[in-house]
């Protein structure tokens, strides 16, 4: 009932907009799965087109920043998500780095706190979608590796210390292929999900190679 009510009130059939096209609320609705299946793709495509018109600048609030990166990555727009992180114009992460930031600022103009974790989801985005690391069971006793491969990145390396030990994820583009390496700590198992290849209950060290063209296949990721 809640889902039906939200779609009835917030979605405009004439314009195809959800909540008048605001990125933050559209992204949140996408991430929590409240959009009706019949409008999901249309709503996402409108948001992506609007983001591109604004040159990937982050015209969105604290909560929206987190969910917009997640929504893009979940729906096959990893290139757009990365562009929102690295583009150098105001407002955005790339802009504050260009202006000398070594911490996360509360406001894009730097007027408030300059050490503010509320914008820290960008770090989680890198781990979850670029390195592809997420827990599939409490305490990382079961791990899910599902990295995505943006055009503007040639390699990614990440590690995360769990109760079982250090886990690692790395990939690199070489000679028209992507070589992925995963390290699973003792006592844990992993499901590895790549375009065209899957491996379940993996242990130890695993190397898998996929074609670069496979990165164009869109797939949904868990939130």
N, C-alpha and C. Protein backbone atom coordinates (compact mmCIF):
# COMPACT_ATOMS: atom_id res chain seq x y z
N UNK A 1 0.81 -1.20 0.00
CA UNK A 1 0.00 0.00 0.00
C UNK A 1 0.85 1.27 0.00
N UNK A 2 1.92 1.23 0.81
CA UNK A 2 2.81 2.40 0.88
C UNK A 2 3.44 2.67 -0.48
N UNK A 3 3.94 1.61 -1.12
CA UNK A 3 4.57 1.76 -2.43
C UNK A 3 3.60 2.34 -3.44
N UNK A 4 2.40 1.82 -3.47
CA UNK A 4 1.39 2.30 -4.42
C UNK A 4 1.06 3.76 -4.15
N UNK A 5 0.95 4.13 -2.88
CA UNK A 5 0.62 5.51 -2.52
C UNK A 5 1.73 6.47 -2.91
N UNK A 6 2.97 6.08 -2.67
CA UNK A 6 4.11 6.94 -3.02
C UNK A 6 4.16 7.17 -4.52
N UNK A 7 3.99 6.12 -5.29
CA UNK A 7 4.02 6.26 -6.74
C UNK A 7 2.86 7.10 -7.25
N UNK A 8 1.70 6.94 -6.64
CA UNK A 8 0.53 7.70 -7.06
C UNK A 8 0.70 9.19 -6.79
N UNK A 9 1.28 9.52 -5.64
CA UNK A 9 1.43 10.92 -5.24
C UNK A 9 2.64 11.59 -5.90
N UNK A 10 3.74 10.86 -6.02
CA UNK A 10 5.01 11.48 -6.43
C UNK A 10 5.31 11.39 -7.92
N UNK A 11 4.70 10.44 -8.62
CA UNK A 11 5.03 10.27 -10.04
C UNK A 11 4.02 10.99 -10.92
N UNK A 12 4.53 11.77 -11.85
CA UNK A 12 3.69 12.51 -12.80
C UNK A 12 3.71 11.79 -14.15
N UNK A 13 2.62 11.17 -14.52
CA UNK A 13 2.57 10.40 -15.76
C UNK A 13 2.77 11.27 -16.99
N UNK A 14 2.36 12.52 -16.92
CA UNK A 14 2.49 13.41 -18.08
C UNK A 14 3.94 13.76 -18.37
N UNK A 15 4.70 14.05 -17.33
CA UNK A 15 6.09 14.47 -17.51
C UNK A 15 7.08 13.33 -17.37
N UNK A 16 6.67 12.24 -16.70
CA UNK A 16 7.58 11.14 -16.43
C UNK A 16 8.52 11.43 -15.28
N UNK A 17 8.21 12.47 -14.49
CA UNK A 17 9.08 12.87 -13.39
C UNK A 17 8.60 12.29 -12.07
N UNK A 18 9.56 11.94 -11.22
CA UNK A 18 9.27 11.53 -9.85
C UNK A 18 9.65 12.69 -8.94
N UNK A 19 8.73 13.14 -8.12
CA UNK A 19 8.95 14.28 -7.21
C UNK A 19 9.52 15.48 -7.97
N UNK A 20 8.89 15.80 -9.08
CA UNK A 20 9.28 16.95 -9.91
C UNK A 20 10.72 16.87 -10.45
N UNK A 21 11.28 15.67 -10.46
CA UNK A 21 12.60 15.48 -11.03
C UNK A 21 13.76 15.75 -10.10
N UNK A 22 13.50 15.97 -8.81
CA UNK A 22 14.61 16.20 -7.88
C UNK A 22 15.48 14.95 -7.80
N UNK A 23 16.78 15.14 -7.96
CA UNK A 23 17.70 14.00 -8.01
C UNK A 23 17.71 13.21 -6.70
N UNK A 24 17.77 13.92 -5.58
CA UNK A 24 17.90 13.24 -4.30
C UNK A 24 16.75 12.30 -4.01
N UNK A 25 15.53 12.80 -4.11
CA UNK A 25 14.36 11.97 -3.82
C UNK A 25 14.20 10.87 -4.86
N UNK A 26 14.54 11.15 -6.11
CA UNK A 26 14.47 10.12 -7.15
C UNK A 26 15.46 9.01 -6.85
N UNK A 27 16.68 9.38 -6.45
CA UNK A 27 17.70 8.39 -6.14
C UNK A 27 17.32 7.55 -4.93
N UNK A 28 16.79 8.19 -3.89
CA UNK A 28 16.37 7.46 -2.70
C UNK A 28 15.27 6.46 -3.05
N UNK A 29 14.29 6.90 -3.82
CA UNK A 29 13.20 6.00 -4.23
C UNK A 29 13.74 4.80 -5.00
N UNK A 30 14.75 5.04 -5.81
CA UNK A 30 15.37 3.95 -6.57
C UNK A 30 16.07 2.96 -5.65
N UNK A 31 16.85 3.48 -4.72
CA UNK A 31 17.66 2.63 -3.85
C UNK A 31 16.83 1.79 -2.89
N UNK A 32 15.73 2.32 -2.41
CA UNK A 32 14.90 1.57 -1.46
C UNK A 32 13.87 0.70 -2.17
N UNK A 33 13.83 0.75 -3.50
CA UNK A 33 12.96 -0.12 -4.26
C UNK A 33 11.49 0.25 -4.25
N UNK A 34 11.21 1.53 -4.07
CA UNK A 34 9.80 1.93 -3.97
C UNK A 34 9.20 2.32 -5.32
N UNK A 35 10.04 2.51 -6.34
CA UNK A 35 9.51 2.82 -7.67
C UNK A 35 8.81 1.60 -8.25
N UNK A 36 7.67 1.82 -8.85
CA UNK A 36 6.97 0.73 -9.52
C UNK A 36 7.80 0.27 -10.72
N UNK A 37 7.79 -1.03 -10.96
CA UNK A 37 8.59 -1.60 -12.05
C UNK A 37 8.27 -0.95 -13.40
N UNK A 38 7.02 -0.56 -13.58
CA UNK A 38 6.60 -0.02 -14.87
C UNK A 38 7.18 1.36 -15.16
N UNK A 39 7.66 2.06 -14.14
CA UNK A 39 8.20 3.41 -14.34
C UNK A 39 9.67 3.52 -13.99
N UNK A 40 10.22 2.47 -13.42
CA UNK A 40 11.59 2.52 -12.89
C UNK A 40 12.60 3.02 -13.91
N UNK A 41 12.67 2.37 -15.06
CA UNK A 41 13.69 2.71 -16.05
C UNK A 41 13.48 4.12 -16.60
N UNK A 42 12.25 4.49 -16.82
CA UNK A 42 11.95 5.83 -17.35
C UNK A 42 12.40 6.91 -16.38
N UNK A 43 12.14 6.71 -15.10
CA UNK A 43 12.53 7.68 -14.07
C UNK A 43 14.05 7.79 -13.98
N UNK A 44 14.73 6.65 -14.00
CA UNK A 44 16.19 6.65 -13.92
C UNK A 44 16.79 7.36 -15.13
N UNK A 45 16.28 7.05 -16.31
CA UNK A 45 16.83 7.66 -17.52
C UNK A 45 16.65 9.17 -17.53
N UNK A 46 15.53 9.64 -17.01
CA UNK A 46 15.33 11.09 -16.93
C UNK A 46 16.38 11.70 -16.01
N UNK A 47 16.59 11.07 -14.84
CA UNK A 47 17.57 11.60 -13.90
C UNK A 47 18.97 11.62 -14.51
N UNK A 48 19.35 10.55 -15.18
CA UNK A 48 20.68 10.48 -15.78
C UNK A 48 20.85 11.54 -16.86
N UNK A 49 19.85 11.72 -17.69
CA UNK A 49 19.93 12.75 -18.73
C UNK A 49 20.06 14.14 -18.13
N UNK A 50 19.35 14.38 -17.03
CA UNK A 50 19.42 15.67 -16.36
C UNK A 50 20.80 15.89 -15.73
N UNK A 51 21.35 14.84 -15.14
CA UNK A 51 22.70 14.91 -14.57
C UNK A 51 23.71 15.25 -15.64
N UNK A 52 23.58 14.64 -16.80
CA UNK A 52 24.51 14.92 -17.90
C UNK A 52 24.37 16.35 -18.40
N UNK A 53 23.15 16.86 -18.43
CA UNK A 53 22.95 18.26 -18.84
C UNK A 53 23.66 19.22 -17.90
N UNK A 54 23.76 18.84 -16.63
CA UNK A 54 24.42 19.67 -15.63
C UNK A 54 25.89 19.33 -15.47
N UNK A 55 26.44 18.62 -16.45
CA UNK A 55 27.87 18.28 -16.48
C UNK A 55 28.32 17.54 -15.23
N UNK A 56 27.42 16.71 -14.67
CA UNK A 56 27.71 15.84 -13.53
C UNK A 56 28.07 16.59 -12.25
N UNK A 57 27.71 17.87 -12.18
CA UNK A 57 27.94 18.61 -10.94
C UNK A 57 26.92 18.15 -9.89
N UNK A 58 27.35 18.14 -8.63
CA UNK A 58 26.54 17.56 -7.57
C UNK A 58 25.56 18.56 -6.97
N UNK A 59 24.51 18.83 -7.72
CA UNK A 59 23.45 19.71 -7.23
C UNK A 59 22.46 18.89 -6.40
N UNK A 60 22.90 18.47 -5.22
CA UNK A 60 22.09 17.60 -4.38
C UNK A 60 22.59 17.72 -2.95
N UNK A 61 21.72 17.45 -1.97
CA UNK A 61 22.08 17.60 -0.57
C UNK A 61 22.84 16.41 -0.01
N UNK A 62 23.04 16.42 1.32
CA UNK A 62 23.81 15.38 1.99
C UNK A 62 23.27 13.98 1.69
N UNK A 63 21.99 13.78 2.00
CA UNK A 63 21.38 12.46 1.82
C UNK A 63 21.35 12.07 0.35
N UNK A 64 21.04 13.02 -0.49
CA UNK A 64 20.99 12.74 -1.92
C UNK A 64 22.32 12.36 -2.50
N UNK A 65 23.42 12.95 -1.98
CA UNK A 65 24.75 12.62 -2.48
C UNK A 65 25.03 11.14 -2.34
N UNK A 66 24.71 10.61 -1.17
CA UNK A 66 24.93 9.18 -0.97
C UNK A 66 24.11 8.35 -1.94
N UNK A 67 22.83 8.64 -2.01
CA UNK A 67 21.94 7.77 -2.78
C UNK A 67 22.09 7.95 -4.29
N UNK A 68 22.52 9.12 -4.73
CA UNK A 68 22.63 9.30 -6.18
C UNK A 68 23.78 8.47 -6.74
N UNK A 69 24.89 8.38 -6.02
CA UNK A 69 25.99 7.54 -6.48
C UNK A 69 25.57 6.07 -6.47
N UNK A 70 24.87 5.68 -5.43
CA UNK A 70 24.40 4.31 -5.32
C UNK A 70 23.39 3.97 -6.41
N UNK A 71 22.44 4.88 -6.65
CA UNK A 71 21.41 4.62 -7.66
C UNK A 71 22.02 4.48 -9.05
N UNK A 72 22.99 5.32 -9.38
CA UNK A 72 23.63 5.23 -10.68
C UNK A 72 24.37 3.91 -10.83
N UNK A 73 25.14 3.53 -9.80
CA UNK A 73 25.91 2.29 -9.87
C UNK A 73 24.99 1.07 -9.93
N UNK A 74 23.90 1.10 -9.20
CA UNK A 74 22.97 -0.04 -9.17
C UNK A 74 22.28 -0.27 -10.51
N UNK A 75 22.18 0.78 -11.31
CA UNK A 75 21.38 0.70 -12.53
C UNK A 75 22.21 0.78 -13.81
N UNK A 76 23.51 0.49 -13.71
CA UNK A 76 24.33 0.38 -14.90
C UNK A 76 24.98 1.66 -15.37
N UNK A 77 24.95 2.71 -14.54
CA UNK A 77 25.53 4.00 -14.94
C UNK A 77 26.78 4.31 -14.12
N UNK A 78 27.68 3.35 -14.04
CA UNK A 78 28.90 3.52 -13.24
C UNK A 78 29.78 4.64 -13.80
N UNK A 79 29.78 4.84 -15.11
CA UNK A 79 30.58 5.92 -15.69
C UNK A 79 30.06 7.28 -15.23
N UNK A 80 28.75 7.43 -15.16
CA UNK A 80 28.17 8.69 -14.69
C UNK A 80 28.44 8.90 -13.21
N UNK A 81 28.37 7.82 -12.43
CA UNK A 81 28.66 7.93 -11.00
C UNK A 81 30.10 8.38 -10.77
N UNK A 82 31.04 7.76 -11.47
CA UNK A 82 32.44 8.15 -11.32
C UNK A 82 32.66 9.59 -11.76
N UNK A 83 32.00 10.00 -12.83
CA UNK A 83 32.16 11.36 -13.32
C UNK A 83 31.67 12.37 -12.28
N UNK A 84 30.62 12.03 -11.55
CA UNK A 84 30.14 12.92 -10.49
C UNK A 84 31.17 13.06 -9.38
N UNK A 85 31.97 12.04 -9.18
CA UNK A 85 33.01 12.08 -8.14
C UNK A 85 34.23 12.87 -8.59
N UNK A 86 34.64 12.73 -9.84
CA UNK A 86 35.93 13.29 -10.26
C UNK A 86 35.85 14.60 -11.02
N UNK A 87 34.68 14.97 -11.53
CA UNK A 87 34.62 16.20 -12.34
C UNK A 87 35.05 17.39 -11.48
N UNK A 88 35.82 18.34 -12.03
CA UNK A 88 36.48 19.36 -11.22
C UNK A 88 35.71 20.64 -10.97
N UNK A 89 34.49 20.75 -11.51
CA UNK A 89 33.76 22.01 -11.37
C UNK A 89 32.89 22.02 -10.11
N UNK A 90 32.55 23.21 -9.67
CA UNK A 90 31.71 23.41 -8.49
C UNK A 90 30.25 23.15 -8.83
N UNK A 91 29.50 22.44 -7.97
CA UNK A 91 29.92 21.81 -6.72
C UNK A 91 30.27 20.34 -6.93
N UNK A 92 31.16 19.82 -6.10
CA UNK A 92 31.52 18.42 -6.22
C UNK A 92 32.81 18.07 -5.51
N UNK A 93 33.06 16.77 -5.39
CA UNK A 93 34.27 16.29 -4.73
C UNK A 93 35.52 16.72 -5.47
N UNK A 94 35.50 16.58 -6.79
CA UNK A 94 36.68 16.96 -7.57
C UNK A 94 37.02 18.42 -7.41
N UNK A 95 36.01 19.25 -7.22
CA UNK A 95 36.24 20.68 -7.07
C UNK A 95 36.93 21.00 -5.76
N UNK A 96 36.52 20.37 -4.65
CA UNK A 96 37.18 20.68 -3.38
C UNK A 96 38.61 20.13 -3.36
N UNK A 97 38.84 19.01 -4.05
CA UNK A 97 40.22 18.50 -4.15
C UNK A 97 41.07 19.49 -4.94
N UNK A 98 40.52 20.02 -6.02
CA UNK A 98 41.26 21.01 -6.82
C UNK A 98 41.58 22.25 -6.00
N UNK A 99 40.74 22.55 -5.01
CA UNK A 99 40.95 23.71 -4.17
C UNK A 99 41.79 23.41 -2.93
N UNK A 100 42.37 22.21 -2.90
CA UNK A 100 43.32 21.89 -1.85
C UNK A 100 42.80 21.03 -0.72
N UNK A 101 41.57 20.57 -0.79
CA UNK A 101 41.00 19.77 0.30
C UNK A 101 41.73 18.44 0.45
N UNK A 102 42.01 18.08 1.69
CA UNK A 102 42.55 16.76 2.02
C UNK A 102 41.61 16.02 2.96
N UNK A 103 40.48 16.65 3.27
CA UNK A 103 39.42 16.05 4.07
C UNK A 103 38.09 16.34 3.38
N UNK A 104 37.02 15.80 3.92
CA UNK A 104 35.69 16.03 3.35
C UNK A 104 35.06 17.26 3.99
N UNK A 105 34.62 18.21 3.16
CA UNK A 105 34.03 19.44 3.65
C UNK A 105 32.53 19.28 3.87
N UNK A 106 31.99 20.00 4.86
CA UNK A 106 30.56 19.99 5.11
C UNK A 106 29.79 20.65 3.97
N UNK A 107 30.29 21.76 3.48
CA UNK A 107 29.65 22.47 2.38
C UNK A 107 30.63 22.58 1.22
N UNK A 108 30.11 22.54 0.01
CA UNK A 108 30.98 22.56 -1.16
C UNK A 108 31.81 23.84 -1.26
N UNK A 109 31.32 24.94 -0.67
CA UNK A 109 32.09 26.19 -0.75
C UNK A 109 33.12 26.33 0.36
N UNK A 110 33.16 25.36 1.28
CA UNK A 110 34.18 25.37 2.33
C UNK A 110 33.90 26.32 3.47
N UNK A 111 32.67 26.83 3.56
CA UNK A 111 32.36 27.84 4.58
C UNK A 111 32.17 27.25 5.97
N UNK A 112 31.88 25.97 6.06
CA UNK A 112 31.60 25.34 7.36
C UNK A 112 32.72 24.38 7.73
N UNK A 113 32.37 23.32 8.45
CA UNK A 113 33.36 22.33 8.87
C UNK A 113 34.12 21.77 7.66
N UNK A 114 35.42 21.60 7.85
CA UNK A 114 36.23 21.02 6.77
C UNK A 114 36.72 19.61 7.13
N UNK A 115 36.01 18.98 8.02
CA UNK A 115 36.29 17.58 8.35
C UNK A 115 34.96 16.94 8.74
N UNK A 116 34.17 16.58 7.73
CA UNK A 116 32.77 16.25 7.94
C UNK A 116 32.43 14.92 7.28
N UNK A 117 32.19 13.91 8.09
CA UNK A 117 31.99 12.56 7.56
C UNK A 117 30.67 12.41 6.81
N UNK A 118 29.77 13.38 6.94
CA UNK A 118 28.46 13.22 6.32
C UNK A 118 28.56 13.07 4.80
N UNK A 119 29.64 13.55 4.21
CA UNK A 119 29.84 13.34 2.77
C UNK A 119 30.74 12.12 2.50
N UNK A 120 30.94 11.30 3.51
CA UNK A 120 31.89 10.20 3.39
C UNK A 120 31.42 9.02 2.58
N UNK A 121 30.17 9.03 2.10
CA UNK A 121 29.70 7.88 1.32
C UNK A 121 30.54 7.64 0.08
N UNK A 122 31.21 8.67 -0.40
CA UNK A 122 32.04 8.48 -1.59
C UNK A 122 33.06 7.37 -1.37
N UNK A 123 33.56 7.24 -0.13
CA UNK A 123 34.51 6.16 0.18
C UNK A 123 33.82 4.81 0.09
N UNK A 124 32.61 4.72 0.63
CA UNK A 124 31.86 3.47 0.54
C UNK A 124 31.55 3.12 -0.91
N UNK A 125 31.25 4.14 -1.72
CA UNK A 125 31.00 3.93 -3.15
C UNK A 125 32.21 3.28 -3.81
N UNK A 126 33.40 3.75 -3.47
CA UNK A 126 34.61 3.18 -4.08
C UNK A 126 34.80 1.73 -3.68
N UNK A 127 34.58 1.42 -2.40
CA UNK A 127 34.73 0.04 -1.95
C UNK A 127 33.64 -0.86 -2.54
N UNK A 128 32.40 -0.40 -2.50
CA UNK A 128 31.28 -1.28 -2.86
C UNK A 128 31.13 -1.48 -4.36
N UNK A 129 31.39 -0.43 -5.14
CA UNK A 129 31.11 -0.54 -6.57
C UNK A 129 32.36 -0.58 -7.45
N UNK A 130 33.39 0.17 -7.11
CA UNK A 130 34.62 0.12 -7.91
C UNK A 130 35.44 -1.12 -7.55
N UNK A 131 35.65 -1.35 -6.26
CA UNK A 131 36.33 -2.58 -5.84
C UNK A 131 35.35 -3.75 -5.75
N UNK A 132 34.07 -3.44 -5.60
CA UNK A 132 33.04 -4.48 -5.62
C UNK A 132 32.89 -5.27 -4.34
N UNK A 133 33.32 -4.71 -3.21
CA UNK A 133 33.32 -5.43 -1.94
C UNK A 133 32.04 -5.13 -1.16
N UNK A 134 31.33 -6.19 -0.76
CA UNK A 134 30.19 -6.01 0.14
C UNK A 134 29.99 -7.28 0.95
N UNK A 135 29.47 -7.15 2.18
CA UNK A 135 29.22 -8.35 2.99
C UNK A 135 27.99 -9.08 2.51
N UNK A 136 28.07 -10.39 2.44
CA UNK A 136 26.90 -11.21 2.10
C UNK A 136 26.36 -11.91 3.34
N UNK A 137 27.06 -11.75 4.46
CA UNK A 137 26.64 -12.28 5.76
C UNK A 137 27.28 -11.41 6.83
N UNK A 138 26.73 -11.39 8.03
CA UNK A 138 27.30 -10.55 9.09
C UNK A 138 28.77 -10.85 9.33
N UNK A 139 29.55 -9.78 9.55
CA UNK A 139 30.96 -9.94 9.87
C UNK A 139 31.83 -10.39 8.71
N UNK A 140 31.32 -10.30 7.49
CA UNK A 140 32.07 -10.71 6.30
C UNK A 140 32.47 -12.19 6.34
N UNK A 141 31.68 -13.02 7.03
CA UNK A 141 31.93 -14.46 6.95
C UNK A 141 31.60 -14.97 5.54
N UNK A 142 30.74 -14.24 4.86
CA UNK A 142 30.44 -14.47 3.45
C UNK A 142 30.59 -13.14 2.74
N UNK A 143 31.33 -13.14 1.64
CA UNK A 143 31.67 -11.90 0.94
C UNK A 143 31.09 -11.95 -0.46
N UNK A 144 30.72 -10.79 -0.97
CA UNK A 144 30.31 -10.67 -2.36
C UNK A 144 31.26 -9.72 -3.06
N UNK A 145 31.91 -10.21 -4.10
CA UNK A 145 32.76 -9.37 -4.95
C UNK A 145 32.02 -9.15 -6.28
N UNK A 146 31.73 -7.90 -6.59
CA UNK A 146 31.06 -7.58 -7.86
C UNK A 146 31.55 -6.23 -8.36
N UNK A 147 32.83 -6.13 -8.72
CA UNK A 147 33.37 -4.83 -9.17
C UNK A 147 32.76 -4.39 -10.50
N UNK A 148 32.73 -3.08 -10.68
CA UNK A 148 32.32 -2.50 -11.95
C UNK A 148 33.51 -1.76 -12.55
N UNK A 149 33.49 -1.58 -13.86
CA UNK A 149 34.70 -1.15 -14.57
C UNK A 149 34.46 0.11 -15.40
N UNK A 150 34.53 1.29 -14.80
CA UNK A 150 34.32 2.53 -15.56
C UNK A 150 35.37 2.71 -16.65
N UNK A 151 34.99 3.40 -17.70
CA UNK A 151 35.90 3.63 -18.81
C UNK A 151 37.13 4.44 -18.40
N UNK A 152 36.96 5.36 -17.46
CA UNK A 152 38.06 6.26 -17.10
C UNK A 152 39.03 5.68 -16.08
N UNK A 153 38.79 4.48 -15.61
CA UNK A 153 39.72 3.84 -14.69
C UNK A 153 40.40 2.66 -15.37
N UNK A 154 41.70 2.54 -15.18
CA UNK A 154 42.45 1.41 -15.72
C UNK A 154 42.70 0.34 -14.67
N UNK A 155 42.63 0.71 -13.40
CA UNK A 155 42.86 -0.28 -12.34
C UNK A 155 42.26 0.20 -11.02
N UNK A 156 41.99 -0.76 -10.17
CA UNK A 156 41.51 -0.50 -8.80
C UNK A 156 42.15 -1.52 -7.88
N UNK A 157 42.57 -1.06 -6.70
CA UNK A 157 43.05 -1.98 -5.66
C UNK A 157 42.46 -1.54 -4.33
N UNK A 158 41.93 -2.49 -3.57
CA UNK A 158 41.35 -2.16 -2.27
C UNK A 158 41.52 -3.33 -1.32
N UNK A 159 41.60 -3.02 -0.04
CA UNK A 159 41.64 -4.06 0.98
C UNK A 159 40.82 -3.61 2.18
N UNK A 160 40.31 -4.59 2.91
CA UNK A 160 39.47 -4.29 4.06
C UNK A 160 39.73 -5.34 5.13
N UNK A 161 40.01 -4.88 6.35
CA UNK A 161 40.32 -5.82 7.42
C UNK A 161 39.04 -6.26 8.13
N UNK A 162 38.78 -7.54 8.10
CA UNK A 162 37.61 -8.12 8.75
C UNK A 162 38.05 -8.91 9.98
N UNK A 163 37.09 -9.41 10.72
CA UNK A 163 37.40 -10.23 11.89
C UNK A 163 38.15 -11.49 11.48
N UNK A 164 37.88 -11.99 10.27
CA UNK A 164 38.55 -13.20 9.78
C UNK A 164 39.95 -12.91 9.24
N UNK A 165 40.22 -11.64 8.95
CA UNK A 165 41.50 -11.27 8.36
C UNK A 165 41.30 -10.29 7.21
N UNK A 166 42.37 -10.00 6.49
CA UNK A 166 42.32 -9.03 5.41
C UNK A 166 41.71 -9.63 4.15
N UNK A 167 40.76 -8.90 3.55
CA UNK A 167 40.27 -9.30 2.24
C UNK A 167 40.74 -8.26 1.23
N UNK A 168 40.95 -8.70 0.01
CA UNK A 168 41.48 -7.81 -1.03
C UNK A 168 40.73 -8.00 -2.34
N UNK A 169 40.61 -6.90 -3.05
CA UNK A 169 40.01 -6.91 -4.39
C UNK A 169 40.84 -6.00 -5.28
N UNK A 170 41.17 -6.49 -6.46
CA UNK A 170 41.96 -5.68 -7.40
C UNK A 170 41.60 -6.08 -8.82
N UNK A 171 41.61 -5.09 -9.71
CA UNK A 171 41.44 -5.40 -11.13
C UNK A 171 42.25 -4.43 -11.96
N UNK A 172 42.62 -4.89 -13.14
CA UNK A 172 43.43 -4.06 -14.04
C UNK A 172 43.10 -4.41 -15.49
N UNK A 173 43.02 -3.38 -16.31
CA UNK A 173 42.79 -3.57 -17.74
C UNK A 173 44.13 -3.76 -18.43
N UNK A 174 44.26 -4.88 -19.16
CA UNK A 174 45.50 -5.17 -19.88
C UNK A 174 45.18 -5.90 -21.17
N UNK A 175 45.73 -5.41 -22.27
CA UNK A 175 45.64 -6.12 -23.55
C UNK A 175 44.21 -6.50 -23.92
N UNK A 176 43.29 -5.56 -23.74
CA UNK A 176 41.91 -5.80 -24.12
C UNK A 176 41.12 -6.66 -23.17
N UNK A 177 41.68 -6.96 -22.01
CA UNK A 177 40.98 -7.77 -21.02
C UNK A 177 41.09 -7.13 -19.64
N UNK A 178 40.25 -7.60 -18.72
CA UNK A 178 40.30 -7.15 -17.34
C UNK A 178 40.65 -8.34 -16.47
N UNK A 179 41.78 -8.24 -15.78
CA UNK A 179 42.20 -9.30 -14.87
C UNK A 179 41.82 -8.91 -13.45
N UNK A 180 41.04 -9.76 -12.81
CA UNK A 180 40.55 -9.50 -11.45
C UNK A 180 41.21 -10.47 -10.47
N UNK A 181 41.68 -9.94 -9.35
CA UNK A 181 42.27 -10.77 -8.31
C UNK A 181 41.56 -10.51 -6.98
N UNK A 182 41.18 -11.59 -6.33
CA UNK A 182 40.47 -11.50 -5.05
C UNK A 182 41.18 -12.36 -4.02
N UNK A 183 41.24 -11.87 -2.80
CA UNK A 183 41.83 -12.62 -1.70
C UNK A 183 40.81 -12.71 -0.57
N UNK A 184 40.46 -13.93 -0.21
CA UNK A 184 39.42 -14.20 0.78
C UNK A 184 40.07 -14.71 2.05
N UNK A 185 39.83 -14.09 3.20
CA UNK A 185 40.48 -14.53 4.44
C UNK A 185 40.02 -15.92 4.87
N UNK A 186 40.86 -16.60 5.63
CA UNK A 186 40.52 -17.93 6.14
C UNK A 186 39.25 -17.85 6.99
N UNK A 187 38.40 -18.84 6.82
CA UNK A 187 37.16 -18.87 7.57
C UNK A 187 36.01 -18.18 6.88
N UNK A 188 36.28 -17.59 5.72
CA UNK A 188 35.23 -16.91 4.96
C UNK A 188 35.14 -17.52 3.56
N UNK A 189 34.00 -17.33 2.92
CA UNK A 189 33.82 -17.73 1.53
C UNK A 189 33.28 -16.53 0.76
N UNK A 190 33.35 -16.61 -0.56
CA UNK A 190 32.92 -15.46 -1.37
C UNK A 190 32.19 -15.90 -2.62
N UNK A 191 31.20 -15.10 -3.00
CA UNK A 191 30.58 -15.20 -4.31
C UNK A 191 31.16 -14.09 -5.17
N UNK A 192 31.64 -14.45 -6.34
CA UNK A 192 32.26 -13.48 -7.26
C UNK A 192 31.35 -13.34 -8.47
N UNK A 193 30.91 -12.12 -8.72
CA UNK A 193 29.96 -11.86 -9.80
C UNK A 193 30.58 -10.86 -10.77
N UNK A 194 30.88 -11.33 -11.97
CA UNK A 194 31.47 -10.51 -13.02
C UNK A 194 30.62 -10.63 -14.28
N UNK A 195 30.73 -9.68 -15.19
CA UNK A 195 29.97 -9.79 -16.44
C UNK A 195 30.31 -11.08 -17.19
N UNK A 196 29.35 -11.98 -17.27
CA UNK A 196 29.55 -13.22 -18.00
C UNK A 196 30.18 -14.34 -17.21
N UNK A 197 30.59 -14.08 -15.96
CA UNK A 197 31.22 -15.12 -15.15
C UNK A 197 30.80 -14.99 -13.70
N UNK A 198 30.53 -16.13 -13.07
CA UNK A 198 30.22 -16.15 -11.65
C UNK A 198 30.92 -17.34 -11.00
N UNK A 199 31.35 -17.14 -9.77
CA UNK A 199 31.98 -18.20 -8.99
C UNK A 199 31.41 -18.12 -7.58
N UNK A 200 30.97 -19.26 -7.06
CA UNK A 200 30.32 -19.25 -5.76
C UNK A 200 31.13 -20.05 -4.74
N UNK A 201 31.06 -19.60 -3.49
CA UNK A 201 31.74 -20.25 -2.36
C UNK A 201 33.24 -20.37 -2.58
N UNK A 202 33.82 -19.34 -3.16
CA UNK A 202 35.27 -19.33 -3.40
C UNK A 202 36.02 -19.11 -2.09
N UNK A 203 37.24 -19.63 -2.05
CA UNK A 203 38.11 -19.45 -0.89
C UNK A 203 39.52 -19.13 -1.37
N UNK A 204 40.35 -18.59 -0.46
CA UNK A 204 41.75 -18.34 -0.78
C UNK A 204 41.92 -17.22 -1.78
N UNK A 205 42.85 -17.41 -2.72
CA UNK A 205 43.14 -16.41 -3.75
C UNK A 205 42.54 -16.86 -5.08
N UNK A 206 41.89 -15.92 -5.76
CA UNK A 206 41.20 -16.24 -7.02
C UNK A 206 41.57 -15.20 -8.06
N UNK A 207 41.90 -15.65 -9.27
CA UNK A 207 42.14 -14.75 -10.40
C UNK A 207 41.18 -15.11 -11.53
N UNK A 208 40.50 -14.11 -12.06
CA UNK A 208 39.55 -14.31 -13.15
C UNK A 208 39.77 -13.22 -14.18
N UNK A 209 39.71 -13.57 -15.45
CA UNK A 209 39.86 -12.60 -16.54
C UNK A 209 38.58 -12.53 -17.36
N UNK A 210 38.15 -11.31 -17.64
CA UNK A 210 36.96 -11.10 -18.48
C UNK A 210 37.31 -10.12 -19.59
N UNK A 211 36.52 -10.12 -20.65
CA UNK A 211 36.75 -9.19 -21.74
C UNK A 211 36.31 -7.79 -21.37
N UNK A 212 37.02 -6.78 -21.87
CA UNK A 212 36.67 -5.40 -21.55
C UNK A 212 35.28 -5.06 -22.07
N UNK A 213 34.88 -5.61 -23.20
CA UNK A 213 33.56 -5.30 -23.75
C UNK A 213 32.45 -5.74 -22.81
N UNK A 214 32.75 -6.72 -21.95
CA UNK A 214 31.73 -7.21 -21.03
C UNK A 214 31.29 -6.15 -20.04
N UNK A 215 32.13 -5.13 -19.83
CA UNK A 215 31.81 -4.08 -18.86
C UNK A 215 30.58 -3.28 -19.28
N UNK A 216 30.19 -3.36 -20.55
CA UNK A 216 29.04 -2.60 -21.01
C UNK A 216 27.71 -3.23 -20.59
N UNK A 217 27.76 -4.47 -20.11
CA UNK A 217 26.53 -5.13 -19.69
C UNK A 217 26.02 -4.50 -18.40
N UNK A 218 24.81 -3.98 -18.43
CA UNK A 218 24.24 -3.37 -17.23
C UNK A 218 23.70 -4.46 -16.32
N UNK A 219 23.89 -4.23 -15.01
CA UNK A 219 23.35 -5.18 -14.06
C UNK A 219 23.08 -4.46 -12.75
N UNK A 220 22.09 -4.90 -12.05
CA UNK A 220 21.76 -4.29 -10.77
C UNK A 220 22.63 -4.87 -9.68
N UNK A 221 22.98 -4.03 -8.73
CA UNK A 221 23.77 -4.45 -7.59
C UNK A 221 22.95 -4.24 -6.33
N UNK A 222 23.22 -5.00 -5.29
CA UNK A 222 22.51 -4.76 -4.04
C UNK A 222 22.91 -3.43 -3.45
N UNK A 223 22.01 -2.81 -2.68
CA UNK A 223 22.29 -1.51 -2.10
C UNK A 223 23.24 -1.56 -0.93
